[in-house]
Protein backbone atom coordinates (compact mmCIF):
# COMPACT_ATOMS: atom_id res chain seq x y z
CA MET A 1 -164.56 2.03 185.19
CA ARG A 2 -164.32 3.55 188.69
CA LEU A 3 -164.15 7.03 189.91
CA ARG A 4 -160.42 7.29 189.82
CA ASP A 5 -160.27 5.62 186.35
CA LEU A 6 -161.54 9.10 185.48
CA GLY A 7 -158.47 10.68 187.03
CA ILE A 8 -160.76 12.16 189.93
CA GLU A 9 -158.48 11.50 193.16
CA PRO A 10 -160.62 12.01 196.56
CA PRO A 11 -159.11 14.59 198.39
CA ASN A 12 -157.23 14.39 201.59
CA ASN A 13 -158.21 10.92 201.61
CA LEU A 14 -156.91 7.89 203.90
CA PRO A 15 -154.84 5.50 201.87
CA THR A 16 -156.72 2.70 200.09
CA GLY A 17 -156.42 -0.83 200.16
CA ALA A 18 -154.73 -2.89 197.48
CA LEU A 19 -157.72 -3.53 195.12
CA ASN A 20 -159.70 -0.31 196.78
CA ALA A 21 -162.24 -2.89 197.79
CA ILE A 22 -164.05 -4.72 200.80
CA THR A 23 -161.89 -7.68 200.28
CA ASP A 24 -159.27 -6.22 200.91
CA VAL A 25 -160.20 -7.14 204.48
CA SER A 26 -158.77 -10.32 204.56
CA GLY A 27 -161.13 -13.16 204.52
CA VAL A 28 -164.01 -11.40 202.88
CA ARG A 29 -165.49 -12.92 199.78
CA VAL A 30 -168.25 -11.36 197.55
CA GLY A 31 -170.28 -13.09 194.80
CA HIS A 32 -173.27 -11.99 192.75
CA THR A 33 -176.27 -13.68 191.12
CA THR A 34 -177.02 -11.22 188.00
CA LEU A 35 -180.41 -11.88 186.35
CA ILE A 36 -181.25 -10.33 183.13
CA SER A 37 -183.94 -11.58 180.98
CA GLY A 38 -186.25 -10.52 178.60
CA GLN A 39 -187.49 -7.10 178.81
CA ALA A 40 -188.63 -6.81 182.44
CA ILE A 41 -186.22 -8.83 184.87
CA ARG A 42 -183.42 -6.64 185.93
CA THR A 43 -182.45 -7.97 189.41
CA GLY A 44 -180.39 -10.18 191.08
CA VAL A 45 -178.74 -10.83 194.81
CA THR A 46 -175.47 -10.13 196.16
CA ALA A 47 -173.71 -12.18 199.01
CA ILE A 48 -171.06 -11.04 201.18
CA LEU A 49 -169.16 -13.39 203.71
CA PRO A 50 -166.98 -12.34 206.18
CA HIS A 51 -164.77 -15.50 206.11
CA PRO A 52 -164.35 -18.43 203.78
CA ARG A 53 -164.95 -21.11 206.92
CA ASN A 54 -168.53 -21.75 208.21
CA ILE A 55 -170.17 -18.57 209.83
CA PHE A 56 -172.42 -20.62 211.65
CA ARG A 57 -169.80 -22.25 214.03
CA GLU A 58 -167.79 -18.98 213.69
CA LYS A 59 -169.82 -16.03 213.91
CA VAL A 60 -168.44 -12.16 213.70
CA SER A 61 -169.10 -9.71 215.80
CA ALA A 62 -171.46 -7.07 214.39
CA GLY A 63 -173.35 -4.25 214.62
CA VAL A 64 -176.00 -2.04 212.73
CA CYS A 65 -177.47 0.88 211.90
CA THR A 66 -181.13 1.80 210.84
CA ILE A 67 -180.33 5.63 209.40
CA ASN A 68 -183.88 5.55 207.90
CA GLY A 69 -186.47 2.39 208.26
CA PHE A 70 -188.22 2.08 205.12
CA GLY A 71 -187.14 -1.25 204.52
CA LYS A 72 -187.64 -5.00 204.71
CA ALA A 73 -184.43 -5.87 206.27
CA THR A 74 -183.84 -8.94 208.44
CA GLY A 75 -181.56 -10.51 211.21
CA PHE A 76 -181.21 -6.91 212.30
CA GLU A 77 -182.89 -7.36 216.19
CA GLN A 78 -180.97 -10.56 216.93
CA ILE A 79 -177.62 -8.52 215.79
CA ARG A 80 -178.54 -5.99 218.55
CA THR A 81 -179.41 -8.02 220.98
CA ARG A 82 -176.28 -10.96 220.43
CA GLY A 83 -173.95 -8.73 218.51
CA VAL A 84 -173.33 -11.13 216.10
CA ILE A 85 -173.53 -12.28 212.72
CA GLU A 86 -174.09 -16.23 211.80
CA THR A 87 -174.50 -16.13 207.71
CA PRO A 88 -173.61 -14.45 204.61
CA ILE A 89 -174.89 -11.29 204.54
CA LEU A 90 -177.70 -11.13 201.38
CA LEU A 91 -178.70 -8.15 199.44
CA THR A 92 -181.42 -8.22 197.03
CA ASN A 93 -184.76 -6.51 195.74
CA THR A 94 -187.59 -5.68 197.96
CA LEU A 95 -190.10 -8.20 197.23
CA ASN A 96 -187.82 -10.75 197.15
CA VAL A 97 -186.74 -10.47 200.58
CA PRO A 98 -188.67 -13.38 202.09
CA ARG A 99 -187.57 -15.85 199.24
CA VAL A 100 -184.16 -15.06 199.65
CA ASN A 101 -184.50 -15.20 203.14
CA ASP A 102 -186.29 -18.57 203.18
CA ALA A 103 -183.48 -19.76 200.24
CA LEU A 104 -180.53 -18.74 203.01
CA VAL A 105 -182.32 -20.88 205.83
CA SER A 106 -182.29 -23.81 203.71
CA TYR A 107 -178.17 -23.11 202.51
CA MET A 108 -177.59 -22.87 206.44
CA LEU A 109 -179.82 -25.96 207.11
CA ARG A 110 -177.71 -27.97 204.35
CA GLU A 111 -174.19 -26.38 205.98
CA ASN A 112 -175.06 -27.78 209.45
CA ALA A 113 -177.45 -30.88 210.26
CA ASP A 114 -177.64 -29.51 213.91
CA ILE A 115 -179.90 -26.28 213.40
CA GLY A 116 -182.82 -26.93 214.84
CA LEU A 117 -182.06 -30.39 216.07
CA THR A 118 -179.63 -30.18 218.74
CA THR A 119 -179.03 -26.25 219.04
CA GLY A 120 -180.82 -23.76 218.08
CA THR A 121 -182.15 -22.05 214.63
CA VAL A 122 -180.38 -19.77 212.41
CA ASN A 123 -180.71 -15.77 212.06
CA PRO A 124 -180.45 -15.05 208.39
CA VAL A 125 -179.48 -11.33 207.25
CA VAL A 126 -181.08 -10.11 204.29
CA GLY A 127 -181.07 -6.44 202.80
CA GLU A 128 -182.57 -5.17 199.76
CA CYS A 129 -183.51 -1.88 197.81
CA ASN A 130 -186.54 -1.18 195.39
CA ASP A 131 -185.71 -1.93 191.32
CA GLY A 132 -189.13 -1.90 190.26
CA PHE A 133 -188.78 0.79 187.74
CA LEU A 134 -186.50 -1.30 185.90
CA ASN A 135 -187.21 -4.57 186.78
CA ASP A 136 -190.86 -6.60 187.37
CA ILE A 137 -190.38 -6.54 190.96
CA ARG A 138 -194.05 -8.38 191.48
CA GLY A 139 -192.27 -11.58 189.51
CA ARG A 140 -189.60 -12.17 192.57
CA HIS A 141 -187.37 -13.80 190.33
CA VAL A 142 -184.53 -14.38 192.50
CA HIS A 143 -184.73 -18.08 193.74
CA GLU A 144 -183.05 -20.35 195.80
CA GLU A 145 -180.58 -21.85 193.09
CA HIS A 146 -179.43 -18.14 192.45
CA VAL A 147 -178.62 -17.39 196.45
CA PHE A 148 -177.04 -20.49 196.36
CA GLN A 149 -175.13 -19.74 193.19
CA ALA A 150 -174.02 -16.24 195.19
CA ILE A 151 -172.86 -17.68 197.84
CA GLU A 152 -171.42 -20.85 196.32
CA SER A 153 -169.45 -18.07 193.72
CA ALA A 154 -168.20 -15.67 196.61
CA MET A 155 -164.80 -14.79 196.10
CA ASP A 156 -161.79 -12.56 196.97
CA GLY A 157 -160.00 -10.07 195.10
CA VAL A 158 -161.49 -8.06 192.23
CA VAL A 159 -165.13 -7.00 193.16
CA PRO A 160 -167.67 -6.76 190.07
CA GLU A 161 -169.32 -3.44 190.74
CA GLY A 162 -172.35 -1.80 188.45
CA ASN A 163 -175.35 -3.13 187.17
CA VAL A 164 -174.29 -6.52 189.22
CA GLY A 165 -176.21 -8.77 191.52
CA ALA A 166 -178.51 -6.95 193.89
CA GLY A 167 -177.55 -3.60 191.74
CA THR A 168 -178.83 -4.91 188.64
CA GLY A 169 -182.03 -3.17 188.48
CA THR A 170 -181.15 -0.04 191.04
CA ALA A 171 -180.78 3.87 190.65
CA CYS A 172 -178.71 6.24 192.12
CA PHE A 173 -179.45 9.61 192.62
CA GLN A 174 -181.80 8.95 188.89
CA PHE A 175 -179.07 7.73 187.22
CA LYS A 176 -178.14 4.11 187.04
CA GLY A 177 -176.84 3.09 190.48
CA GLY A 178 -175.81 -0.65 191.53
CA ILE A 179 -173.01 -2.59 193.59
CA GLY A 180 -169.84 -0.32 194.43
CA THR A 181 -167.06 -0.91 196.85
CA ALA A 182 -164.08 0.92 198.35
CA SER A 183 -161.42 0.59 201.30
CA ARG A 184 -159.06 2.51 203.77
CA GLN A 185 -156.13 1.72 205.38
CA THR A 186 -155.73 3.31 209.48
CA SER A 187 -153.25 3.01 211.40
CA GLY A 188 -152.68 -1.39 211.34
CA PHE A 189 -155.99 -1.66 210.34
CA MET A 190 -158.38 -2.34 207.08
CA VAL A 191 -161.96 -1.12 206.60
CA GLY A 192 -163.81 -1.78 203.50
CA ALA A 193 -167.27 -1.08 202.37
CA LEU A 194 -169.68 -2.25 200.00
CA VAL A 195 -173.27 -0.62 198.64
CA GLN A 196 -176.11 -1.14 197.13
CA SER A 197 -177.17 2.54 195.95
CA ASN A 198 -180.82 3.18 194.99
CA PHE A 199 -181.28 6.36 196.60
CA GLY A 200 -181.26 10.53 196.21
CA ALA A 201 -182.86 13.14 194.01
CA ARG A 202 -180.59 14.37 191.26
CA GLU A 203 -180.18 17.93 192.54
CA GLU A 204 -178.48 16.95 196.05
CA MET A 205 -175.72 15.03 194.60
CA MET A 206 -172.26 16.36 195.35
CA LEU A 207 -168.75 15.06 194.23
CA TYR A 208 -166.53 16.06 196.95
CA GLY A 209 -167.86 19.25 197.04
CA VAL A 210 -168.50 19.78 193.07
CA PRO A 211 -172.36 20.12 192.81
CA VAL A 212 -172.76 18.06 189.99
CA GLY A 213 -176.26 17.17 190.50
CA THR A 214 -177.14 20.75 190.12
CA HIS A 215 -175.28 21.19 186.63
CA LEU A 216 -177.30 17.71 185.36
CA ARG A 217 -180.56 18.39 187.15
CA GLU A 218 -182.24 18.10 184.02
CA ASN A 219 -180.26 15.58 181.93
CA TYR A 220 -181.28 12.18 181.30
CA LEU A 221 -183.94 12.46 184.23
CA PRO A 222 -186.31 9.33 184.53
CA GLN A 223 -189.27 9.28 186.77
CA PRO A 224 -188.25 7.76 189.85
CA GLY A 225 -187.29 9.40 193.17
CA PRO A 226 -185.22 9.10 196.28
CA GLY A 227 -184.96 5.38 197.16
CA SER A 228 -182.77 2.95 199.50
CA ILE A 229 -179.27 2.05 200.14
CA MET A 230 -177.63 -0.98 201.73
CA MET A 231 -174.43 -0.51 203.18
CA VAL A 232 -172.01 -2.81 204.47
CA ILE A 233 -168.55 -2.23 206.27
CA ALA A 234 -166.03 -4.52 207.04
CA THR A 235 -163.39 -4.21 209.15
CA ASP A 236 -160.19 -6.45 210.92
CA ALA A 237 -159.88 -4.28 214.07
CA PRO A 238 -160.77 -6.35 217.01
CA LEU A 239 -164.47 -4.62 217.46
CA ASP A 240 -167.20 -5.59 219.72
CA SER A 241 -170.60 -5.01 219.10
CA ARG A 242 -171.12 -1.33 220.49
CA GLN A 243 -168.18 -0.27 218.59
CA LEU A 244 -169.26 -1.93 215.03
CA SER A 245 -172.43 -0.18 215.69
CA ARG A 246 -170.90 3.03 216.09
CA LEU A 247 -169.08 2.47 213.23
CA ALA A 248 -172.44 1.59 211.46
CA MET A 249 -174.16 4.89 212.31
CA ARG A 250 -171.02 6.76 210.55
CA ALA A 251 -172.60 5.61 207.44
CA ALA A 252 -174.90 8.23 207.85
CA PHE A 253 -171.99 11.26 207.33
CA ALA A 254 -171.49 9.52 204.49
CA LEU A 255 -174.36 9.86 202.58
CA GLY A 256 -174.63 13.48 203.73
CA ARG A 257 -170.92 13.72 201.98
CA VAL A 258 -172.60 12.83 198.84
CA GLY A 259 -175.87 14.89 198.99
CA THR A 260 -178.64 13.41 199.87
CA ILE A 261 -180.96 14.12 202.95
CA GLY A 262 -182.44 10.74 204.10
CA HIS A 263 -185.91 11.06 202.31
CA ASP A 264 -188.98 9.87 204.18
CA ALA A 265 -189.62 7.09 201.65
CA SER A 266 -185.81 5.83 201.98
CA GLY A 267 -184.63 2.42 203.61
CA ASP A 268 -181.05 3.61 204.90
CA PHE A 269 -179.14 0.61 206.38
CA ALA A 270 -175.87 -0.32 207.72
CA ILE A 271 -174.34 -3.30 208.53
CA ALA A 272 -170.46 -3.64 210.08
CA PHE A 273 -169.08 -6.64 210.90
CA SER A 274 -165.05 -7.55 212.54
CA THR A 275 -163.11 -10.88 211.05
CA ALA A 276 -161.22 -10.31 214.43
CA ASN A 277 -161.86 -12.17 217.75
CA LEU A 278 -164.79 -14.83 216.20
CA TRP A 279 -167.38 -16.06 218.12
CA ALA A 280 -167.33 -20.12 218.50
CA HIS A 281 -170.93 -21.52 218.15
CA SER A 282 -169.76 -24.40 220.69
CA PRO A 283 -166.71 -22.92 222.94
CA ALA A 284 -164.62 -25.22 224.41
CA LYS A 285 -164.63 -22.88 227.77
CA GLN A 286 -166.97 -20.06 229.22
CA VAL A 287 -164.33 -17.49 229.55
CA GLU A 288 -161.87 -16.45 226.94
CA ASN A 289 -159.10 -13.95 226.67
CA VAL A 290 -159.35 -11.68 223.23
CA THR A 291 -157.38 -8.73 222.05
CA ARG A 292 -159.51 -5.58 222.51
CA PHE A 293 -159.61 -2.17 221.08
CA THR A 294 -159.32 0.26 223.33
CA GLU A 295 -161.59 3.41 222.67
CA THR A 296 -159.16 6.14 222.40
CA GLY A 297 -160.31 8.96 220.29
CA ARG A 298 -157.63 8.73 217.54
CA GLY A 299 -158.02 5.52 216.89
CA MET A 300 -161.67 5.42 216.89
CA ASP A 301 -161.79 8.62 215.07
CA GLU A 302 -159.40 7.00 212.50
CA LEU A 303 -161.80 3.98 211.73
CA PHE A 304 -165.16 6.55 211.71
CA ARG A 305 -162.98 8.42 208.82
CA ALA A 306 -162.15 5.16 207.02
CA VAL A 307 -166.10 4.08 207.17
CA VAL A 308 -167.08 7.63 206.15
CA GLU A 309 -164.55 7.98 203.15
CA SER A 310 -165.37 4.25 202.04
CA ILE A 311 -169.08 4.38 201.45
CA GLU A 312 -168.54 7.81 200.05
CA GLU A 313 -166.13 6.86 197.19
CA ALA A 314 -168.12 3.00 197.19
CA ILE A 315 -171.33 5.30 196.16
CA TRP A 316 -169.36 7.22 193.35
CA ASN A 317 -168.06 3.71 192.30
CA SER A 318 -171.71 2.13 191.88
CA MET A 319 -172.58 5.08 189.57
CA ILE A 320 -169.36 4.88 187.52
CA ALA A 321 -169.25 1.25 187.16
CA ALA A 322 -172.72 1.33 186.00
CA GLU A 323 -174.10 1.61 182.62
CA THR A 324 -177.44 2.72 181.21
CA LEU A 325 -180.29 -0.18 181.06
CA THR A 326 -183.50 -0.13 179.96
CA GLY A 327 -186.09 -2.53 181.30
CA ARG A 328 -190.05 -3.11 182.72
CA GLY A 329 -191.91 -1.09 180.40
CA GLY A 330 -189.43 0.35 178.23
CA ASN A 331 -188.19 2.44 181.46
CA THR A 332 -184.29 3.42 181.01
CA LEU A 333 -181.91 4.60 183.62
CA THR A 334 -178.95 6.31 181.83
CA ALA A 335 -175.58 5.79 183.26
CA ILE A 336 -173.90 9.37 184.63
CA PRO A 337 -171.92 10.71 181.79
CA HIS A 338 -168.19 10.20 182.68
CA ASP A 339 -167.17 13.07 180.79
CA GLU A 340 -169.73 15.31 182.24
CA VAL A 341 -168.07 14.61 185.74
CA VAL A 342 -164.83 15.26 184.69
CA ARG A 343 -165.58 18.32 182.88
CA LEU A 344 -167.18 19.93 186.26
CA TRP A 345 -164.35 18.47 188.46
CA GLU A 346 -161.88 20.02 186.68
CA ALA A 347 -163.69 23.17 186.23
CA TYR A 348 -164.37 23.39 190.12
CA ARG A 349 -161.09 22.45 190.77
CA ARG A 350 -159.78 25.18 189.30
CA LEU A 351 -161.85 27.79 191.16
């Protein structure tokens, strides 16, 4: 179940890709390992692969943005300095970042026998959200085999959403959150986004101008407050690292459109990459001719709009797809009531 399955069409938006998912960007793959066991394990890991080949050997241009830095994301400084991503992008829970980071290094060493010997080291990219309300986060239950499984099972096509992978135990606007995705077409290019939603106070929640959170302020309200969000943006537009950083910055506007203020204890991170103009790890020549995206106002504005719209809808898809889940200590996160969302949407559309 997704937002549009409820009959809610985002107003005045760019057209979507065929799947309305990050995998509409050709080559992008997504894989999940979901861990639900006993009364307290509610977590997982999600892998985003920019292309199906060896990413260390064929790196992608990338940019990042830290909107609010209360989080444990890894690899950002080297991306800012070198402008490329050379591993799958992994998402998990906060206290599992070191273990997932280590597992990703192990995976890259297995796939690239020269790392640390005849070439340099590797820069693993891992993001996180705190799923400790439902999950035994101290147990750090995501292990190397789960990371390998997420990477090796990554596929193109339809992306599972809601209570899967890194979104298994997360919340959004104090409802059940999770993984969500969406895409937009511009004039000649595709933009896709995937989010791990775990943020927002209930009263802030806005659905394309409809104050849904205000009307559901007291309904199904658990204890946890605002948390974090990881946002991954993919495009086939031939952008360089600086331009991709500009795209990543626009993620903040999507968060504003769904209503959140970016709370003090929120880790809000965006990663953007392009599947065009891959960087060879061992280039045959020092200078290469590549296609360049000219930074005209109209062209960049279309990409900015595509980013904002994709992330905004991906956030809503993460909630609509999510299902009520009970976990650690009997804590429960309730799925957002679809009928109430539709009722409020229709009521405000009639005004």
